[in-house]
Amino acid sequence: MQNKLKFSNKYLSFGFKTLKLLFWLCLLVALYFQVIVKFKNFQWNSLHNLDIFFGVNIIYWILIGLLLILNWALEAKKWQILAQKIENISFFQAFKGVLVGLAFSNILVSIGDFAGKILMLHSDKRLQSIGAALVGNAIQLYVSLLFGFFGLLFFVSSQHPTPAFAFYVLTVFLGICVSFGLILGIYFDKLNALFLPKKIFKNYLKVLKEFSPKEIKRIFILSFFRYFVFSTQFYLILVIFQLNLPWKVLFSAIFLIFLGKTIGSLFHSLGDLSIRELSAVYFFSFYGTDIPLVSLATFMVWIINVLFPSLVGSFYVFQLKFSTNQLQSE
């Protein structure tokens, strides 16, 4: 009996190692095709000012690199705080979980972020952390909607896009969502019981009841700061590519691009890069900017904030260890 169990575990171990390797290869292929398709379709002949791009002050690139680290460090700190309801993890463990989640999300669009973070936990109650991950993502989503609402107000009032009625309806709808989110955040400790489904999902989401208003506020501050960080990073890249528009216009467009990414992520057939680019091209087209430069700047943001961290996170996938009893991490 013991020999059969050892034999079975041996093949299971080999199977899991093979699965991790296949996932890693699939991730590389997915990222490769996103990059190749972008380069193939890009209008390189339309670029005339790349000498400015290569000759830009090195300080800009240093700042962008530091903001890259700060961006994901803030997300890691959020996850460390959220996960402590299930398991006390170090900041470095949280950082690895965030990067693995980012890597997973390139293939498992809907659940990749959750799966990566959860699989890096040690606890046998790790599935209960689904609720904690939902809290973090919901608050970051709210921050994106909030700034997107302000960006849309500025855009509609200054550019008067058509059809006007559709944009007015969208603005009002976003305003309602932002107001509802604010009320929900203020009364979270009193209303969170309403979000606990009965029976099957209750065990996974009951952790919601353990978050205090103070903790929710802390996560909101970190999410707000993180949004400011990657928006500033995007702004610096647009400056490098000499999109000579007032800073209010640039930040408004950035807020709308992230809003478009947030809403567009519901359509999983479109990749993160495609959604960013389509949003950027649409909103910047109202200001008479060089569209290929806008497209290239958006691509650069994706390379820095998604491609590089995903490649790093992909190597942490090999640290995942599975057993027949429970999922656990090395």
C-alpha atoms as a PDB file:
ATOM      1  CA  MET A   1       0.000   0.000   0.000  1.00  0.00           C
ATOM      2  CA  GLN A   2       2.803   2.376   0.940  1.00  0.00           C
ATOM      3  CA  ASN A   3       4.737   1.473  -2.214  1.00  0.00           C
ATOM      4  CA  LYS A   4       1.653   2.266  -4.327  1.00  0.00           C
ATOM      5  CA  LEU A   5       1.253   5.602  -2.530  1.00  0.00           C
ATOM      6  CA  LYS A   6       4.899   6.500  -3.119  1.00  0.00           C
ATOM      7  CA  PHE A   7       4.554   5.473  -6.755  1.00  0.00           C
ATOM      8  CA  SER A   8       1.425   7.614  -7.115  1.00  0.00           C
ATOM      9  CA  ASN A   9       3.005  10.646  -5.435  1.00  0.00           C
ATOM     10  CA  LYS A  10       6.066  10.311  -7.651  1.00  0.00           C
ATOM     11  CA  TYR A  11       3.997  10.553 -10.804  1.00  0.00           C
ATOM     12  CA  LEU A  12       1.861  13.341  -9.371  1.00  0.00           C
ATOM     13  CA  SER A  13       5.012  15.298  -8.551  1.00  0.00           C
ATOM     14  CA  PHE A  14       6.278  14.779 -12.085  1.00  0.00           C
ATOM     15  CA  GLY A  15       2.886  15.825 -13.456  1.00  0.00           C
ATOM     16  CA  PHE A  16       2.854  19.057 -11.433  1.00  0.00           C
ATOM     17  CA  LYS A  17       6.388  19.914 -12.520  1.00  0.00           C
ATOM     18  CA  THR A  18       5.396  19.340 -16.129  1.00  0.00           C
ATOM     19  CA  LEU A  19       2.289  21.471 -15.638  1.00  0.00           C
ATOM     20  CA  LYS A  20       4.357  24.354 -14.263  1.00  0.00           C
ATOM     21  CA  LEU A  21       6.762  24.118 -17.170  1.00  0.00           C
ATOM     22  CA  LEU A  22       3.910  24.084 -19.693  1.00  0.00           C
ATOM     23  CA  PHE A  23       2.308  27.087 -18.035  1.00  0.00           C
ATOM     24  CA  TRP A  24       5.617  28.967 -18.126  1.00  0.00           C
ATOM     25  CA  LEU A  25       6.034  28.179 -21.829  1.00  0.00           C
ATOM     26  CA  CYS A  26       2.440  29.242 -22.564  1.00  0.00           C
ATOM     27  CA  LEU A  27       3.083  32.532 -20.774  1.00  0.00           C
ATOM     28  CA  LEU A  28       6.205  33.202 -22.829  1.00  0.00           C
ATOM     29  CA  VAL A  29       4.341  32.388 -26.044  1.00  0.00           C
ATOM     30  CA  ALA A  30       1.436  34.679 -25.096  1.00  0.00           C
ATOM     31  CA  LEU A  31       3.761  37.587 -24.296  1.00  0.00           C
ATOM     32  CA  TYR A  32       5.823  36.916 -27.431  1.00  0.00           C
ATOM     33  CA  PHE A  33       2.806  37.115 -29.733  1.00  0.00           C
ATOM     34  CA  GLN A  34       1.548  40.314 -28.087  1.00  0.00           C
ATOM     35  CA  VAL A  35       4.926  41.949 -28.710  1.00  0.00           C
ATOM     36  CA  ILE A  36       5.320  40.568 -32.235  1.00  0.00           C
ATOM     37  CA  VAL A  37       1.827  41.601 -33.356  1.00  0.00           C
ATOM     38  CA  LYS A  38       2.411  45.087 -31.992  1.00  0.00           C
ATOM     39  CA  PHE A  39       5.748  45.504 -33.769  1.00  0.00           C
ATOM     40  CA  LYS A  40       4.383  44.041 -37.001  1.00  0.00           C
ATOM     41  CA  ASN A  41       1.417  46.418 -37.160  1.00  0.00           C
ATOM     42  CA  PHE A  42       3.208  49.517 -35.997  1.00  0.00           C
ATOM     43  CA  GLN A  43       3.741  52.355 -38.476  1.00  0.00           C
ATOM     44  CA  TRP A  44       7.459  52.867 -37.943  1.00  0.00           C
ATOM     45  CA  ASN A  45       7.810  55.049 -41.036  1.00  0.00           C
ATOM     46  CA  SER A  46       5.535  57.653 -39.487  1.00  0.00           C
ATOM     47  CA  LEU A  47       7.942  58.369 -36.629  1.00  0.00           C
ATOM     48  CA  HIS A  48      10.230  61.326 -37.207  1.00  0.00           C
ATOM     49  CA  ASN A  49      11.358  62.360 -33.737  1.00  0.00           C
ATOM     50  CA  LEU A  50      12.885  59.221 -32.258  1.00  0.00           C
ATOM     51  CA  ASP A  51      16.151  61.111 -31.780  1.00  0.00           C
ATOM     52  CA  ILE A  52      14.376  63.002 -29.001  1.00  0.00           C
ATOM     53  CA  PHE A  53      13.284  59.680 -27.480  1.00  0.00           C
ATOM     54  CA  PHE A  54      16.834  58.312 -27.383  1.00  0.00           C
ATOM     55  CA  GLY A  55      18.399  61.604 -26.347  1.00  0.00           C
ATOM     56  CA  VAL A  56      16.054  62.320 -23.451  1.00  0.00           C
ATOM     57  CA  ASN A  57      17.473  63.119 -20.036  1.00  0.00           C
ATOM     58  CA  ILE A  58      18.403  59.883 -18.248  1.00  0.00           C
ATOM     59  CA  ILE A  59      16.724  61.233 -15.122  1.00  0.00           C
ATOM     60  CA  TYR A  60      13.330  60.608 -16.719  1.00  0.00           C
ATOM     61  CA  TRP A  61      14.092  56.919 -17.244  1.00  0.00           C
ATOM     62  CA  ILE A  62      15.489  56.564 -13.731  1.00  0.00           C
ATOM     63  CA  LEU A  63      12.287  58.052 -12.328  1.00  0.00           C
ATOM     64  CA  ILE A  64      10.177  55.734 -14.485  1.00  0.00           C
ATOM     65  CA  GLY A  65      12.169  52.727 -13.260  1.00  0.00           C
ATOM     66  CA  LEU A  66      11.769  53.769  -9.623  1.00  0.00           C
ATOM     67  CA  LEU A  67       8.038  54.289 -10.129  1.00  0.00           C
ATOM     68  CA  LEU A  68       7.823  50.782 -11.615  1.00  0.00           C
ATOM     69  CA  ILE A  69       9.265  49.306  -8.419  1.00  0.00           C
ATOM     70  CA  LEU A  70       7.122  51.559  -6.215  1.00  0.00           C
ATOM     71  CA  ASN A  71       3.984  50.640  -8.163  1.00  0.00           C
ATOM     72  CA  TRP A  72       4.261  46.914  -7.506  1.00  0.00           C
ATOM     73  CA  ALA A  73       5.686  47.439  -4.026  1.00  0.00           C
ATOM     74  CA  LEU A  74       2.496  49.295  -3.074  1.00  0.00           C
ATOM     75  CA  GLU A  75       0.394  46.469  -4.502  1.00  0.00           C
ATOM     76  CA  ALA A  76       2.499  43.988  -2.513  1.00  0.00           C
ATOM     77  CA  LYS A  77       1.987  45.980   0.683  1.00  0.00           C
ATOM     78  CA  LYS A  78      -1.766  45.954   0.067  1.00  0.00           C
ATOM     79  CA  TRP A  79      -1.717  42.181  -0.394  1.00  0.00           C
ATOM     80  CA  GLN A  80       0.386  41.698   2.731  1.00  0.00           C
ATOM     81  CA  ILE A  81      -2.201  43.609   4.779  1.00  0.00           C
ATOM     82  CA  LEU A  82      -5.149  41.806   3.191  1.00  0.00           C
ATOM     83  CA  ALA A  83      -3.656  38.316   3.434  1.00  0.00           C
ATOM     84  CA  GLN A  84      -2.870  38.625   7.145  1.00  0.00           C
ATOM     85  CA  LYS A  85      -6.480  37.683   7.861  1.00  0.00           C
ATOM     86  CA  ILE A  86      -5.542  34.237   6.582  1.00  0.00           C
ATOM     87  CA  GLU A  87      -1.774  34.044   7.060  1.00  0.00           C
ATOM     88  CA  ASN A  88       1.019  36.327   8.179  1.00  0.00           C
ATOM     89  CA  ILE A  89       3.345  36.753   5.225  1.00  0.00           C
ATOM     90  CA  SER A  90       6.435  38.862   4.714  1.00  0.00           C
ATOM     91  CA  PHE A  91       6.564  41.767   2.316  1.00  0.00           C
ATOM     92  CA  PHE A  92       8.810  39.753  -0.013  1.00  0.00           C
ATOM     93  CA  GLN A  93       6.321  36.848  -0.028  1.00  0.00           C
ATOM     94  CA  ALA A  94       3.550  39.298  -0.856  1.00  0.00           C
ATOM     95  CA  PHE A  95       5.685  40.806  -3.624  1.00  0.00           C
ATOM     96  CA  LYS A  96       6.231  37.370  -5.157  1.00  0.00           C
ATOM     97  CA  GLY A  97       2.513  36.643  -4.961  1.00  0.00           C
ATOM     98  CA  VAL A  98       1.690  39.878  -6.778  1.00  0.00           C
ATOM     99  CA  LEU A  99       4.178  39.150  -9.569  1.00  0.00           C
ATOM    100  CA  VAL A 100       2.938  35.565  -9.970  1.00  0.00           C
ATOM    101  CA  GLY A 101      -0.619  36.908 -10.110  1.00  0.00           C
ATOM    102  CA  LEU A 102       0.421  39.348 -12.836  1.00  0.00           C
ATOM    103  CA  ALA A 103       2.058  36.520 -14.782  1.00  0.00           C
ATOM    104  CA  PHE A 104      -1.037  34.324 -14.429  1.00  0.00           C
ATOM    105  CA  SER A 105      -3.313  37.152 -15.604  1.00  0.00           C
ATOM    106  CA  ASN A 106      -1.686  37.118 -19.041  1.00  0.00           C
ATOM    107  CA  ILE A 107      -3.253  33.699 -19.621  1.00  0.00           C
ATOM    108  CA  LEU A 108      -6.050  33.362 -17.064  1.00  0.00           C
ATOM    109  CA  VAL A 109      -7.495  36.823 -17.635  1.00  0.00           C
ATOM    110  CA  SER A 110     -10.429  36.623 -15.232  1.00  0.00           C
ATOM    111  CA  ILE A 111      -8.854  34.752 -12.333  1.00  0.00           C
ATOM    112  CA  GLY A 112      -5.116  34.978 -12.930  1.00  0.00           C
ATOM    113  CA  ASP A 113      -4.442  37.708 -10.384  1.00  0.00           C
ATOM    114  CA  PHE A 114      -6.399  35.849  -7.682  1.00  0.00           C
ATOM    115  CA  ALA A 115      -4.850  32.479  -8.524  1.00  0.00           C
ATOM    116  CA  GLY A 116      -1.266  33.724  -8.425  1.00  0.00           C
ATOM    117  CA  LYS A 117      -1.635  35.462  -5.068  1.00  0.00           C
ATOM    118  CA  ILE A 118      -3.535  32.594  -3.455  1.00  0.00           C
ATOM    119  CA  LEU A 119      -1.198  29.857  -4.668  1.00  0.00           C
ATOM    120  CA  MET A 120       1.785  31.599  -3.085  1.00  0.00           C
ATOM    121  CA  LEU A 121       0.238  31.305   0.377  1.00  0.00           C
ATOM    122  CA  HIS A 122       1.173  28.441   2.716  1.00  0.00           C
ATOM    123  CA  SER A 123      -2.052  28.107   4.710  1.00  0.00           C
ATOM    124  CA  ASP A 124      -4.441  25.217   4.081  1.00  0.00           C
ATOM    125  CA  LYS A 125      -7.190  27.869   4.350  1.00  0.00           C
ATOM    126  CA  ARG A 126      -5.794  29.782   1.422  1.00  0.00           C
ATOM    127  CA  LEU A 127      -9.046  29.663  -0.535  1.00  0.00           C
ATOM    128  CA  GLN A 128     -10.570  31.913   2.120  1.00  0.00           C
ATOM    129  CA  SER A 129      -8.194  34.608   0.898  1.00  0.00           C
ATOM    130  CA  ILE A 130     -10.400  34.977  -2.191  1.00  0.00           C
ATOM    131  CA  GLY A 131     -12.462  37.450  -0.191  1.00  0.00           C
ATOM    132  CA  ALA A 132      -9.344  39.395   0.825  1.00  0.00           C
ATOM    133  CA  ALA A 133      -8.189  39.597  -2.796  1.00  0.00           C
ATOM    134  CA  LEU A 134     -11.657  40.792  -3.821  1.00  0.00           C
ATOM    135  CA  VAL A 135     -11.465  43.639  -1.305  1.00  0.00           C
ATOM    136  CA  GLY A 136      -8.121  44.841  -2.683  1.00  0.00           C
ATOM    137  CA  ASN A 137      -9.236  44.636  -6.305  1.00  0.00           C
ATOM    138  CA  ALA A 138     -12.588  46.303  -5.593  1.00  0.00           C
ATOM    139  CA  ILE A 139     -10.941  49.275  -3.876  1.00  0.00           C
ATOM    140  CA  GLN A 140      -8.411  49.700  -6.704  1.00  0.00           C
ATOM    141  CA  LEU A 141     -11.315  49.494  -9.157  1.00  0.00           C
ATOM    142  CA  TYR A 142     -13.135  52.215  -7.247  1.00  0.00           C
ATOM    143  CA  VAL A 143     -10.095  54.510  -7.375  1.00  0.00           C
ATOM    144  CA  SER A 144      -9.899  53.966 -11.136  1.00  0.00           C
ATOM    145  CA  LEU A 145     -13.600  54.796 -11.525  1.00  0.00           C
ATOM    146  CA  LEU A 146     -13.221  57.883  -9.323  1.00  0.00           C
ATOM    147  CA  PHE A 147     -10.374  59.394 -11.336  1.00  0.00           C
ATOM    148  CA  GLY A 148     -11.967  58.210 -14.565  1.00  0.00           C
ATOM    149  CA  PHE A 149     -15.084  60.142 -13.583  1.00  0.00           C
ATOM    150  CA  PHE A 150     -13.060  63.350 -13.103  1.00  0.00           C
ATOM    151  CA  GLY A 151     -11.235  62.717 -16.383  1.00  0.00           C
ATOM    152  CA  LEU A 152     -14.523  62.201 -18.199  1.00  0.00           C
ATOM    153  CA  LEU A 153     -15.983  65.411 -16.761  1.00  0.00           C
ATOM    154  CA  PHE A 154     -12.983  67.364 -18.058  1.00  0.00           C
ATOM    155  CA  PHE A 155     -13.081  65.622 -21.449  1.00  0.00           C
ATOM    156  CA  VAL A 156     -16.817  66.103 -22.036  1.00  0.00           C
ATOM    157  CA  SER A 157     -16.782  69.745 -20.939  1.00  0.00           C
ATOM    158  CA  SER A 158     -13.763  70.662 -23.077  1.00  0.00           C
ATOM    159  CA  GLN A 159     -14.150  68.527 -26.219  1.00  0.00           C
ATOM    160  CA  HIS A 160     -17.914  68.031 -26.476  1.00  0.00           C
ATOM    161  CA  PRO A 161     -17.639  64.544 -28.026  1.00  0.00           C
ATOM    162  CA  THR A 162     -20.517  62.985 -29.948  1.00  0.00           C
ATOM    163  CA  PRO A 163     -22.939  61.439 -29.453  1.00  0.00           C
ATOM    164  CA  ALA A 164     -23.292  63.911 -26.589  1.00  0.00           C
ATOM    165  CA  PHE A 165     -26.227  62.089 -24.983  1.00  0.00           C
ATOM    166  CA  ALA A 166     -24.235  58.854 -24.638  1.00  0.00           C
ATOM    167  CA  PHE A 167     -21.356  60.654 -22.940  1.00  0.00           C
ATOM    168  CA  TYR A 168     -23.742  62.481 -20.594  1.00  0.00           C
ATOM    169  CA  VAL A 169     -25.373  59.185 -19.633  1.00  0.00           C
ATOM    170  CA  LEU A 170     -21.955  57.584 -19.064  1.00  0.00           C
ATOM    171  CA  THR A 171     -20.878  60.536 -16.899  1.00  0.00           C
ATOM    172  CA  VAL A 172     -24.026  60.361 -14.782  1.00  0.00           C
ATOM    173  CA  PHE A 173     -23.714  56.576 -14.460  1.00  0.00           C
ATOM    174  CA  LEU A 174     -20.095  56.869 -13.311  1.00  0.00           C
ATOM    175  CA  GLY A 175     -21.119  59.561 -10.835  1.00  0.00           C
ATOM    176  CA  ILE A 176     -23.731  57.215  -9.368  1.00  0.00           C
ATOM    177  CA  CYS A 177     -21.189  54.370  -9.141  1.00  0.00           C
ATOM    178  CA  VAL A 178     -18.647  56.626  -7.417  1.00  0.00           C
ATOM    179  CA  SER A 179     -21.273  57.875  -4.945  1.00  0.00           C
ATOM    180  CA  PHE A 180     -22.441  54.333  -4.201  1.00  0.00           C
ATOM    181  CA  GLY A 181     -18.859  53.194  -3.689  1.00  0.00           C
ATOM    182  CA  LEU A 182     -18.250  56.024  -1.236  1.00  0.00           C
ATOM    183  CA  ILE A 183     -21.311  55.063   0.808  1.00  0.00           C
ATOM    184  CA  LEU A 184     -20.299  51.416   0.729  1.00  0.00           C
ATOM    185  CA  GLY A 185     -16.828  52.277   1.987  1.00  0.00           C
ATOM    186  CA  ILE A 186     -18.123  54.442   4.827  1.00  0.00           C
ATOM    187  CA  TYR A 187     -20.592  51.813   6.044  1.00  0.00           C
ATOM    188  CA  PHE A 188     -18.545  48.752   5.051  1.00  0.00           C
ATOM    189  CA  ASP A 189     -18.572  47.216   8.541  1.00  0.00           C
ATOM    190  CA  LYS A 190     -22.386  47.411   8.650  1.00  0.00           C
ATOM    191  CA  LEU A 191     -23.111  46.364   5.073  1.00  0.00           C
ATOM    192  CA  ASN A 192     -20.522  43.667   4.376  1.00  0.00           C
ATOM    193  CA  ALA A 193     -22.888  40.930   5.589  1.00  0.00           C
ATOM    194  CA  LEU A 194     -25.011  41.659   2.528  1.00  0.00           C
ATOM    195  CA  PHE A 195     -22.158  40.508   0.304  1.00  0.00           C
ATOM    196  CA  LEU A 196     -21.861  37.043   1.819  1.00  0.00           C
ATOM    197  CA  PRO A 197     -23.599  34.536  -0.452  1.00  0.00           C
ATOM    198  CA  LYS A 198     -25.263  31.608   1.230  1.00  0.00           C
ATOM    199  CA  LYS A 199     -23.854  28.104   1.423  1.00  0.00           C
ATOM    200  CA  ILE A 200     -21.257  27.330  -1.242  1.00  0.00           C
ATOM    201  CA  PHE A 201     -19.352  30.670  -1.390  1.00  0.00           C
ATOM    202  CA  LYS A 202     -19.771  31.706   2.224  1.00  0.00           C
ATOM    203  CA  ASN A 203     -16.590  30.026   3.473  1.00  0.00           C
ATOM    204  CA  TYR A 204     -14.524  31.764   0.810  1.00  0.00           C
ATOM    205  CA  LEU A 205     -15.915  35.251   1.473  1.00  0.00           C
ATOM    206  CA  LYS A 206     -16.503  35.258   5.215  1.00  0.00           C
ATOM    207  CA  VAL A 207     -13.139  36.975   5.679  1.00  0.00           C
ATOM    208  CA  LEU A 208     -14.892  40.165   4.527  1.00  0.00           C
ATOM    209  CA  LYS A 209     -16.448  40.456   7.975  1.00  0.00           C
ATOM    210  CA  GLU A 210     -13.011  40.719   9.574  1.00  0.00           C
ATOM    211  CA  PHE A 211     -11.971  43.977   7.904  1.00  0.00           C
ATOM    212  CA  SER A 212     -12.420  47.087  10.016  1.00  0.00           C
ATOM    213  CA  PRO A 213     -13.144  50.575   8.606  1.00  0.00           C
ATOM    214  CA  LYS A 214      -9.597  51.552   9.583  1.00  0.00           C
ATOM    215  CA  GLU A 215      -8.131  48.730   7.489  1.00  0.00           C
ATOM    216  CA  ILE A 216     -10.374  49.599   4.548  1.00  0.00           C
ATOM    217  CA  LYS A 217      -9.202  53.197   4.792  1.00  0.00           C
ATOM    218  CA  ARG A 218      -5.571  52.067   4.811  1.00  0.00           C
ATOM    219  CA  ILE A 219      -6.072  49.949   1.691  1.00  0.00           C
ATOM    220  CA  PHE A 220      -7.823  52.875   0.012  1.00  0.00           C
ATOM    221  CA  ILE A 221      -4.882  55.205   0.756  1.00  0.00           C
ATOM    222  CA  LEU A 222      -2.424  52.673  -0.681  1.00  0.00           C
ATOM    223  CA  SER A 223      -4.632  52.210  -3.765  1.00  0.00           C
ATOM    224  CA  PHE A 224      -4.899  55.972  -4.208  1.00  0.00           C
ATOM    225  CA  PHE A 225      -1.125  56.381  -3.932  1.00  0.00           C
ATOM    226  CA  ARG A 226      -0.542  53.508  -6.362  1.00  0.00           C
ATOM    227  CA  TYR A 227      -2.879  55.098  -8.906  1.00  0.00           C
ATOM    228  CA  PHE A 228      -0.965  58.353  -8.573  1.00  0.00           C
ATOM    229  CA  VAL A 229       2.319  56.478  -9.094  1.00  0.00           C
ATOM    230  CA  PHE A 230       1.443  54.692 -12.353  1.00  0.00           C
ATOM    231  CA  SER A 231      -0.405  57.750 -13.670  1.00  0.00           C
ATOM    232  CA  THR A 232       2.707  59.876 -13.073  1.00  0.00           C
ATOM    233  CA  GLN A 233       4.806  57.218 -14.756  1.00  0.00           C
ATOM    234  CA  PHE A 234       2.514  57.313 -17.801  1.00  0.00           C
ATOM    235  CA  TYR A 235       2.716  61.120 -17.804  1.00  0.00           C
ATOM    236  CA  LEU A 236       6.540  61.051 -17.840  1.00  0.00           C
ATOM    237  CA  ILE A 237       6.526  58.663 -20.797  1.00  0.00           C
ATOM    238  CA  LEU A 238       4.151  60.939 -22.712  1.00  0.00           C
ATOM    239  CA  VAL A 239       6.487  63.854 -21.974  1.00  0.00           C
ATOM    240  CA  ILE A 240       9.428  61.833 -23.290  1.00  0.00           C
ATOM    241  CA  PHE A 241       7.531  61.268 -26.535  1.00  0.00           C
ATOM    242  CA  GLN A 242       6.887  65.014 -26.765  1.00  0.00           C
ATOM    243  CA  LEU A 243       3.110  65.013 -26.645  1.00  0.00           C
ATOM    244  CA  ASN A 244       3.083  68.750 -26.098  1.00  0.00           C
ATOM    245  CA  LEU A 245      -0.249  69.190 -24.401  1.00  0.00           C
ATOM    246  CA  PRO A 246      -1.146  70.921 -21.111  1.00  0.00           C
ATOM    247  CA  TRP A 247      -0.642  68.720 -18.065  1.00  0.00           C
ATOM    248  CA  LYS A 248      -4.380  68.823 -17.319  1.00  0.00           C
ATOM    249  CA  VAL A 249      -5.131  67.382 -20.732  1.00  0.00           C
ATOM    250  CA  LEU A 250      -2.491  64.661 -20.393  1.00  0.00           C
ATOM    251  CA  PHE A 251      -3.666  63.547 -16.958  1.00  0.00           C
ATOM    252  CA  SER A 252      -7.289  63.659 -18.073  1.00  0.00           C
ATOM    253  CA  ALA A 253      -6.446  61.385 -21.009  1.00  0.00           C
ATOM    254  CA  ILE A 254      -4.443  59.074 -18.718  1.00  0.00           C
ATOM    255  CA  PHE A 255      -7.396  58.769 -16.333  1.00  0.00           C
ATOM    256  CA  LEU A 256      -9.673  57.949 -19.271  1.00  0.00           C
ATOM    257  CA  ILE A 257      -7.239  55.358 -20.640  1.00  0.00           C
ATOM    258  CA  PHE A 258      -7.202  53.560 -17.295  1.00  0.00           C
ATOM    259  CA  LEU A 259     -10.983  53.881 -17.134  1.00  0.00           C
ATOM    260  CA  GLY A 260     -11.224  52.332 -20.593  1.00  0.00           C
ATOM    261  CA  LYS A 261      -8.900  49.546 -19.471  1.00  0.00           C
ATOM    262  CA  THR A 262     -11.034  48.939 -16.385  1.00  0.00           C
ATOM    263  CA  ILE A 263     -14.300  48.766 -18.333  1.00  0.00           C
ATOM    264  CA  GLY A 264     -12.771  47.026 -21.346  1.00  0.00           C
ATOM    265  CA  SER A 265     -11.324  44.255 -19.181  1.00  0.00           C
ATOM    266  CA  LEU A 266     -14.871  42.861 -19.051  1.00  0.00           C
ATOM    267  CA  PHE A 267     -14.344  41.814 -22.660  1.00  0.00           C
ATOM    268  CA  HIS A 268     -11.729  39.155 -22.174  1.00  0.00           C
ATOM    269  CA  SER A 269     -11.138  38.581 -25.876  1.00  0.00           C
ATOM    270  CA  LEU A 270      -9.216  41.859 -25.905  1.00  0.00           C
ATOM    271  CA  GLY A 271      -5.797  41.856 -24.304  1.00  0.00           C
ATOM    272  CA  ASP A 272      -4.631  44.429 -21.785  1.00  0.00           C
ATOM    273  CA  LEU A 273      -2.358  46.016 -24.391  1.00  0.00           C
ATOM    274  CA  SER A 274      -5.138  46.300 -26.999  1.00  0.00           C
ATOM    275  CA  ILE A 275      -7.510  47.976 -24.554  1.00  0.00           C
ATOM    276  CA  ARG A 276      -4.871  50.503 -23.489  1.00  0.00           C
ATOM    277  CA  GLU A 277      -3.980  51.329 -27.068  1.00  0.00           C
ATOM    278  CA  LEU A 278      -7.551  51.667 -28.326  1.00  0.00           C
ATOM    279  CA  SER A 279      -8.429  53.971 -25.426  1.00  0.00           C
ATOM    280  CA  ALA A 280      -5.299  56.086 -25.898  1.00  0.00           C
ATOM    281  CA  VAL A 281      -5.764  56.449 -29.648  1.00  0.00           C
ATOM    282  CA  TYR A 282      -9.425  57.434 -29.257  1.00  0.00           C
ATOM    283  CA  PHE A 283      -9.018  60.095 -26.567  1.00  0.00           C
ATOM    284  CA  PHE A 284      -5.799  61.633 -27.899  1.00  0.00           C
ATOM    285  CA  SER A 285      -7.284  61.858 -31.409  1.00  0.00           C
ATOM    286  CA  PHE A 286      -9.389  64.782 -30.162  1.00  0.00           C
ATOM    287  CA  TYR A 287      -6.242  66.827 -29.502  1.00  0.00           C
ATOM    288  CA  GLY A 288      -4.588  66.430 -32.907  1.00  0.00           C
ATOM    289  CA  THR A 289      -1.612  64.489 -31.548  1.00  0.00           C
ATOM    290  CA  ASP A 290       0.672  62.176 -33.493  1.00  0.00           C
ATOM    291  CA  ILE A 291      -1.236  58.888 -33.156  1.00  0.00           C
ATOM    292  CA  PRO A 292       1.773  56.592 -33.830  1.00  0.00           C
ATOM    293  CA  LEU A 293       3.632  58.349 -30.996  1.00  0.00           C
ATOM    294  CA  VAL A 294       0.648  57.845 -28.705  1.00  0.00           C
ATOM    295  CA  SER A 295       0.499  54.188 -29.687  1.00  0.00           C
ATOM    296  CA  LEU A 296       4.220  53.710 -29.068  1.00  0.00           C
ATOM    297  CA  ALA A 297       4.049  55.495 -25.712  1.00  0.00           C
ATOM    298  CA  THR A 298       1.195  53.212 -24.627  1.00  0.00           C
ATOM    299  CA  PHE A 299       3.201  50.193 -25.749  1.00  0.00           C
ATOM    300  CA  MET A 300       6.157  51.417 -23.708  1.00  0.00           C
ATOM    301  CA  VAL A 301       3.973  51.692 -20.596  1.00  0.00           C
ATOM    302  CA  TRP A 302       2.810  48.104 -21.119  1.00  0.00           C
ATOM    303  CA  ILE A 303       6.384  46.846 -21.564  1.00  0.00           C
ATOM    304  CA  ILE A 304       7.542  48.546 -18.376  1.00  0.00           C
ATOM    305  CA  ASN A 305       4.565  47.856 -16.120  1.00  0.00           C
ATOM    306  CA  VAL A 306       3.340  44.494 -17.420  1.00  0.00           C
ATOM    307  CA  LEU A 307       5.856  42.684 -19.614  1.00  0.00           C
ATOM    308  CA  PHE A 308       8.966  43.001 -17.419  1.00  0.00           C
ATOM    309  CA  PRO A 309       7.203  42.210 -14.102  1.00  0.00           C
ATOM    310  CA  SER A 310       5.351  39.289 -15.752  1.00  0.00           C
ATOM    311  CA  LEU A 311       8.632  37.769 -16.903  1.00  0.00           C
ATOM    312  CA  VAL A 312      10.048  38.077 -13.381  1.00  0.00           C
ATOM    313  CA  GLY A 313       6.881  36.624 -11.875  1.00  0.00           C
ATOM    314  CA  SER A 314       6.903  33.707 -14.301  1.00  0.00           C
ATOM    315  CA  PHE A 315      10.060  32.326 -12.695  1.00  0.00           C
ATOM    316  CA  TYR A 316       8.400  32.277  -9.265  1.00  0.00           C
ATOM    317  CA  VAL A 317       5.835  29.875 -10.744  1.00  0.00           C
ATOM    318  CA  PHE A 318       8.475  27.159 -10.365  1.00  0.00           C
ATOM    319  CA  GLN A 319       8.437  27.724  -6.599  1.00  0.00           C
ATOM    320  CA  LEU A 320       4.853  26.545  -6.365  1.00  0.00           C
ATOM    321  CA  LYS A 321       4.548  23.110  -4.852  1.00  0.00           C
ATOM    322  CA  PHE A 322       1.394  20.999  -4.893  1.00  0.00           C
ATOM    323  CA  SER A 323       0.359  17.937  -2.951  1.00  0.00           C
ATOM    324  CA  THR A 324      -2.604  15.612  -3.045  1.00  0.00           C
ATOM    325  CA  ASN A 325      -3.919  16.999   0.219  1.00  0.00           C
ATOM    326  CA  GLN A 326      -3.654  20.751  -0.273  1.00  0.00           C
ATOM    327  CA  LEU A 327      -2.015  23.395  -2.354  1.00  0.00           C
ATOM    328  CA  GLN A 328       1.041  24.782  -0.725  1.00  0.00           C
ATOM    329  CA  SER A 329       3.994  26.947  -1.607  1.00  0.00           C
ATOM    330  CA  GLU A 330       7.643  26.469  -0.959  1.00  0.00           C
END
